[in-house]
Amino acid sequence: MNSHKLGVTANYLVKRRLLLNGVFPQNGTAITETAEALIGVDAVTLDLPTGTLDVHYDASKRQLDDFIEIIKHEGSTLSTTRWQRFKRGWYRYFDQNIKENAAEKPWSCH
């Protein structure tokens, strides 16, 4: 049995990888600590040499833009390669879909 942090539903758990620019030990620590403190976040790891941020979160409670806001607030930026922009759009689409489906009330015809 996998255990997740309080507030994380395994059915809505997503894993996202973001490539960052301008990340240093000081702002990298602030990014990970701030993100980990959010309700619905299961894990956050940052590889400083590559600027790779991995976040695992409950998409019914958190969205990708929550993390992007933290990254920008701490003075880092996101990679602007075509592939990275495409992935972020894809992540947003799926996060929104999960959030909307989680809010739906199940119904039955009998």
N, C-alpha and C. Protein backbone atom coordinates (compact mmCIF):
# COMPACT_ATOMS: atom_id res chain seq x y z
N MET A 1 0.84 -1.18 0.00
CA MET A 1 0.00 0.00 0.00
C MET A 1 0.89 1.24 0.00
N ASN A 2 0.64 2.13 -0.92
CA ASN A 2 1.38 3.39 -0.98
C ASN A 2 0.74 4.38 -0.04
N SER A 3 1.56 5.07 0.70
CA SER A 3 1.01 6.10 1.57
C SER A 3 1.33 7.47 0.97
N HIS A 4 0.35 8.31 1.02
CA HIS A 4 0.50 9.65 0.48
C HIS A 4 0.28 10.65 1.61
N LYS A 5 0.72 11.86 1.40
CA LYS A 5 0.52 12.91 2.40
C LYS A 5 -0.96 13.19 2.58
N LEU A 6 -1.28 13.77 3.71
CA LEU A 6 -2.65 14.14 4.02
C LEU A 6 -3.17 15.10 2.95
N GLY A 7 -4.37 14.86 2.46
CA GLY A 7 -4.97 15.73 1.47
C GLY A 7 -4.71 15.30 0.03
N VAL A 8 -4.01 14.19 -0.15
CA VAL A 8 -3.70 13.70 -1.50
C VAL A 8 -4.50 12.43 -1.75
N THR A 9 -5.31 12.45 -2.79
CA THR A 9 -6.09 11.28 -3.21
C THR A 9 -5.33 10.59 -4.33
N ALA A 10 -5.04 9.33 -4.14
CA ALA A 10 -4.23 8.59 -5.12
C ALA A 10 -4.86 8.58 -6.51
N ASN A 11 -6.19 8.59 -6.60
CA ASN A 11 -6.85 8.56 -7.91
C ASN A 11 -6.58 9.81 -8.73
N TYR A 12 -6.27 10.92 -8.07
CA TYR A 12 -6.05 12.19 -8.77
C TYR A 12 -4.59 12.62 -8.76
N LEU A 13 -3.71 11.72 -8.35
CA LEU A 13 -2.28 12.04 -8.25
C LEU A 13 -1.65 12.13 -9.64
N VAL A 14 -0.96 13.25 -9.88
CA VAL A 14 -0.24 13.43 -11.14
C VAL A 14 1.22 13.74 -10.82
N LYS A 15 2.08 13.44 -11.78
CA LYS A 15 3.51 13.70 -11.63
C LYS A 15 3.93 14.59 -12.80
N ARG A 16 4.49 15.73 -12.47
CA ARG A 16 4.86 16.70 -13.48
C ARG A 16 6.35 17.02 -13.37
N ARG A 17 6.98 17.21 -14.53
CA ARG A 17 8.40 17.57 -14.59
C ARG A 17 8.52 18.89 -15.34
N LEU A 18 9.13 19.88 -14.68
CA LEU A 18 9.33 21.20 -15.27
C LEU A 18 10.82 21.49 -15.36
N LEU A 19 11.23 22.13 -16.43
CA LEU A 19 12.62 22.53 -16.60
C LEU A 19 12.72 24.02 -16.31
N LEU A 20 13.57 24.37 -15.34
CA LEU A 20 13.69 25.75 -14.88
C LEU A 20 15.00 26.37 -15.31
N ASN A 21 14.98 27.68 -15.45
CA ASN A 21 16.18 28.49 -15.68
C ASN A 21 16.36 29.41 -14.48
N GLY A 22 17.59 29.77 -14.18
CA GLY A 22 17.85 30.72 -13.09
C GLY A 22 17.52 30.18 -11.72
N VAL A 23 17.80 28.90 -11.51
CA VAL A 23 17.56 28.31 -10.19
C VAL A 23 18.91 28.10 -9.51
N PHE A 24 18.99 28.55 -8.27
CA PHE A 24 20.20 28.49 -7.46
C PHE A 24 19.85 27.87 -6.12
N PRO A 25 20.83 27.52 -5.30
CA PRO A 25 20.50 26.89 -4.02
C PRO A 25 19.51 27.69 -3.17
N GLN A 26 19.65 29.02 -3.13
CA GLN A 26 18.77 29.82 -2.28
C GLN A 26 17.32 29.78 -2.76
N ASN A 27 17.10 30.12 -4.03
CA ASN A 27 15.71 30.14 -4.49
C ASN A 27 15.20 28.72 -4.75
N GLY A 28 16.07 27.77 -5.00
CA GLY A 28 15.66 26.38 -5.17
C GLY A 28 15.07 25.82 -3.89
N THR A 29 15.72 26.13 -2.77
CA THR A 29 15.20 25.70 -1.47
C THR A 29 13.85 26.35 -1.19
N ALA A 30 13.73 27.62 -1.49
CA ALA A 30 12.46 28.33 -1.27
C ALA A 30 11.35 27.76 -2.14
N ILE A 31 11.66 27.42 -3.39
CA ILE A 31 10.66 26.84 -4.28
C ILE A 31 10.16 25.51 -3.72
N THR A 32 11.07 24.63 -3.35
CA THR A 32 10.65 23.30 -2.87
C THR A 32 9.90 23.39 -1.55
N GLU A 33 10.38 24.23 -0.62
CA GLU A 33 9.70 24.33 0.67
C GLU A 33 8.31 24.95 0.55
N THR A 34 8.18 25.96 -0.28
CA THR A 34 6.87 26.60 -0.47
C THR A 34 5.90 25.65 -1.15
N ALA A 35 6.37 24.93 -2.16
CA ALA A 35 5.50 23.99 -2.88
C ALA A 35 5.08 22.83 -1.99
N GLU A 36 6.02 22.31 -1.20
CA GLU A 36 5.70 21.18 -0.32
C GLU A 36 4.70 21.55 0.76
N ALA A 37 4.61 22.81 1.12
CA ALA A 37 3.69 23.24 2.17
C ALA A 37 2.24 23.33 1.69
N LEU A 38 2.02 23.28 0.39
CA LEU A 38 0.67 23.39 -0.15
C LEU A 38 -0.13 22.12 0.12
N ILE A 39 -1.40 22.29 0.44
CA ILE A 39 -2.29 21.14 0.62
C ILE A 39 -2.49 20.48 -0.74
N GLY A 40 -2.41 19.17 -0.76
CA GLY A 40 -2.59 18.42 -1.99
C GLY A 40 -1.29 18.07 -2.69
N VAL A 41 -0.16 18.52 -2.14
CA VAL A 41 1.14 18.20 -2.74
C VAL A 41 1.72 16.98 -2.04
N ASP A 42 2.12 15.99 -2.82
CA ASP A 42 2.65 14.76 -2.26
C ASP A 42 4.17 14.78 -2.17
N ALA A 43 4.84 15.28 -3.21
CA ALA A 43 6.31 15.30 -3.21
C ALA A 43 6.82 16.37 -4.16
N VAL A 44 7.94 16.97 -3.79
CA VAL A 44 8.61 17.96 -4.63
C VAL A 44 10.11 17.68 -4.56
N THR A 45 10.73 17.55 -5.73
CA THR A 45 12.18 17.39 -5.76
C THR A 45 12.75 18.31 -6.83
N LEU A 46 13.91 18.83 -6.55
CA LEU A 46 14.59 19.73 -7.47
C LEU A 46 16.01 19.26 -7.66
N ASP A 47 16.38 19.06 -8.92
CA ASP A 47 17.76 18.72 -9.27
C ASP A 47 18.42 20.01 -9.74
N LEU A 48 19.24 20.61 -8.87
CA LEU A 48 19.85 21.90 -9.18
C LEU A 48 20.73 21.90 -10.43
N PRO A 49 21.61 20.91 -10.62
CA PRO A 49 22.48 20.97 -11.81
C PRO A 49 21.72 21.01 -13.13
N THR A 50 20.59 20.32 -13.21
CA THR A 50 19.83 20.31 -14.46
C THR A 50 18.66 21.29 -14.46
N GLY A 51 18.30 21.80 -13.27
CA GLY A 51 17.16 22.71 -13.16
C GLY A 51 15.83 22.00 -13.34
N THR A 52 15.80 20.71 -13.01
CA THR A 52 14.59 19.91 -13.19
C THR A 52 13.80 19.85 -11.89
N LEU A 53 12.55 20.29 -11.96
CA LEU A 53 11.65 20.27 -10.81
C LEU A 53 10.59 19.20 -11.05
N ASP A 54 10.51 18.24 -10.15
CA ASP A 54 9.47 17.20 -10.21
C ASP A 54 8.47 17.47 -9.09
N VAL A 55 7.21 17.56 -9.45
CA VAL A 55 6.15 17.76 -8.46
C VAL A 55 5.09 16.67 -8.64
N HIS A 56 4.67 16.11 -7.52
CA HIS A 56 3.61 15.10 -7.50
C HIS A 56 2.50 15.71 -6.66
N TYR A 57 1.32 15.83 -7.25
CA TYR A 57 0.23 16.50 -6.54
C TYR A 57 -1.12 15.96 -6.95
N ASP A 58 -2.10 16.24 -6.12
CA ASP A 58 -3.49 15.88 -6.35
C ASP A 58 -4.10 16.97 -7.24
N ALA A 59 -4.38 16.62 -8.50
CA ALA A 59 -4.86 17.61 -9.46
C ALA A 59 -6.30 18.05 -9.19
N SER A 60 -6.98 17.41 -8.26
CA SER A 60 -8.31 17.89 -7.90
C SER A 60 -8.21 19.06 -6.93
N LYS A 61 -7.02 19.24 -6.33
CA LYS A 61 -6.81 20.32 -5.36
C LYS A 61 -5.81 21.38 -5.83
N ARG A 62 -4.86 20.99 -6.66
CA ARG A 62 -3.80 21.88 -7.15
C ARG A 62 -3.76 21.85 -8.66
N GLN A 63 -3.25 22.92 -9.23
CA GLN A 63 -3.10 23.02 -10.67
C GLN A 63 -1.65 23.42 -10.97
N LEU A 64 -1.21 23.18 -12.16
CA LEU A 64 0.17 23.50 -12.57
C LEU A 64 0.51 24.96 -12.32
N ASP A 65 -0.43 25.84 -12.58
CA ASP A 65 -0.16 27.27 -12.41
C ASP A 65 0.16 27.67 -10.97
N ASP A 66 -0.27 26.87 -9.99
CA ASP A 66 0.10 27.14 -8.59
C ASP A 66 1.62 27.07 -8.44
N PHE A 67 2.23 26.10 -9.09
CA PHE A 67 3.68 25.92 -8.99
C PHE A 67 4.44 26.93 -9.84
N ILE A 68 3.88 27.26 -10.98
CA ILE A 68 4.51 28.26 -11.84
C ILE A 68 4.56 29.61 -11.13
N GLU A 69 3.51 29.93 -10.40
CA GLU A 69 3.48 31.18 -9.63
C GLU A 69 4.58 31.21 -8.57
N ILE A 70 4.79 30.09 -7.90
CA ILE A 70 5.86 29.99 -6.89
C ILE A 70 7.23 30.16 -7.56
N ILE A 71 7.43 29.50 -8.68
CA ILE A 71 8.70 29.56 -9.40
C ILE A 71 9.03 31.00 -9.78
N LYS A 72 8.05 31.68 -10.35
CA LYS A 72 8.26 33.07 -10.76
C LYS A 72 8.46 33.99 -9.56
N HIS A 73 7.74 33.75 -8.49
CA HIS A 73 7.87 34.58 -7.28
C HIS A 73 9.27 34.49 -6.70
N GLU A 74 9.89 33.33 -6.84
CA GLU A 74 11.24 33.11 -6.28
C GLU A 74 12.34 33.52 -7.25
N GLY A 75 11.99 34.08 -8.40
CA GLY A 75 12.99 34.62 -9.30
C GLY A 75 13.52 33.69 -10.37
N SER A 76 12.92 32.53 -10.52
CA SER A 76 13.31 31.60 -11.58
C SER A 76 12.32 31.73 -12.74
N THR A 77 12.68 31.14 -13.85
CA THR A 77 11.79 31.13 -15.01
C THR A 77 11.68 29.71 -15.54
N LEU A 78 10.68 29.51 -16.36
CA LEU A 78 10.48 28.20 -16.99
C LEU A 78 11.20 28.16 -18.33
N SER A 79 11.66 27.00 -18.71
CA SER A 79 12.27 26.82 -20.02
C SER A 79 11.23 27.16 -21.09
N THR A 80 11.67 27.81 -22.15
CA THR A 80 10.75 28.23 -23.20
C THR A 80 10.92 27.45 -24.50
N THR A 81 11.52 26.27 -24.41
CA THR A 81 11.63 25.45 -25.62
C THR A 81 10.23 25.04 -26.07
N ARG A 82 10.12 24.73 -27.33
CA ARG A 82 8.82 24.33 -27.88
C ARG A 82 8.26 23.12 -27.15
N TRP A 83 9.12 22.14 -26.86
CA TRP A 83 8.67 20.93 -26.17
C TRP A 83 8.17 21.25 -24.77
N GLN A 84 8.89 22.09 -24.03
CA GLN A 84 8.47 22.44 -22.67
C GLN A 84 7.15 23.21 -22.67
N ARG A 85 6.97 24.11 -23.62
CA ARG A 85 5.70 24.85 -23.71
C ARG A 85 4.55 23.90 -24.05
N PHE A 86 4.80 22.94 -24.94
CA PHE A 86 3.79 21.95 -25.30
C PHE A 86 3.40 21.12 -24.08
N LYS A 87 4.41 20.64 -23.34
CA LYS A 87 4.14 19.83 -22.14
C LYS A 87 3.31 20.60 -21.12
N ARG A 88 3.64 21.86 -20.90
CA ARG A 88 2.88 22.66 -19.92
C ARG A 88 1.42 22.81 -20.36
N GLY A 89 1.19 23.01 -21.64
CA GLY A 89 -0.18 23.09 -22.14
C GLY A 89 -0.92 21.77 -21.94
N TRP A 90 -0.23 20.68 -22.19
CA TRP A 90 -0.80 19.36 -22.00
C TRP A 90 -1.10 19.12 -20.52
N TYR A 91 -0.17 19.46 -19.65
CA TYR A 91 -0.39 19.32 -18.21
C TYR A 91 -1.61 20.13 -17.76
N ARG A 92 -1.72 21.36 -18.23
CA ARG A 92 -2.86 22.21 -17.86
C ARG A 92 -4.18 21.58 -18.29
N TYR A 93 -4.20 21.06 -19.50
CA TYR A 93 -5.41 20.43 -20.02
C TYR A 93 -5.84 19.26 -19.13
N PHE A 94 -4.91 18.38 -18.82
CA PHE A 94 -5.25 17.22 -18.00
C PHE A 94 -5.57 17.60 -16.56
N ASP A 95 -4.85 18.55 -16.00
CA ASP A 95 -5.16 19.00 -14.64
C ASP A 95 -6.58 19.55 -14.55
N GLN A 96 -6.96 20.37 -15.53
CA GLN A 96 -8.30 20.94 -15.54
C GLN A 96 -9.36 19.85 -15.71
N ASN A 97 -9.07 18.87 -16.55
CA ASN A 97 -9.99 17.76 -16.76
C ASN A 97 -10.19 16.96 -15.47
N ILE A 98 -9.11 16.68 -14.77
CA ILE A 98 -9.19 15.95 -13.50
C ILE A 98 -9.98 16.75 -12.48
N LYS A 99 -9.71 18.04 -12.39
CA LYS A 99 -10.42 18.89 -11.42
C LYS A 99 -11.92 18.91 -11.70
N GLU A 100 -12.31 19.04 -12.97
CA GLU A 100 -13.73 19.07 -13.32
C GLU A 100 -14.39 17.72 -13.07
N ASN A 101 -13.72 16.64 -13.39
CA ASN A 101 -14.29 15.31 -13.15
C ASN A 101 -14.42 15.00 -11.66
N ALA A 102 -13.49 15.48 -10.87
CA ALA A 102 -13.55 15.25 -9.42
C ALA A 102 -14.73 15.99 -8.80
N ALA A 103 -15.11 17.11 -9.40
CA ALA A 103 -16.22 17.91 -8.86
C ALA A 103 -17.59 17.36 -9.25
N GLU A 104 -17.63 16.50 -10.26
CA GLU A 104 -18.91 15.93 -10.71
C GLU A 104 -19.48 14.99 -9.66
N LYS A 105 -20.78 15.09 -9.46
CA LYS A 105 -21.47 14.17 -8.55
C LYS A 105 -21.86 12.92 -9.33
N PRO A 106 -21.54 11.74 -8.79
CA PRO A 106 -21.96 10.53 -9.48
C PRO A 106 -23.47 10.40 -9.49
N TRP A 107 -24.00 9.83 -10.54
CA TRP A 107 -25.45 9.68 -10.62
C TRP A 107 -25.78 8.26 -11.06
N SER A 108 -26.99 7.91 -10.84
CA SER A 108 -27.44 6.57 -11.21
C SER A 108 -28.87 6.67 -11.71
N CYS A 109 -29.23 5.83 -12.66
CA CYS A 109 -30.58 5.86 -13.20
C CYS A 109 -31.52 4.93 -12.48
N HIS A 110 -31.05 4.26 -11.42
CA HIS A 110 -31.96 3.37 -10.68
C HIS A 110 -31.92 3.63 -9.22
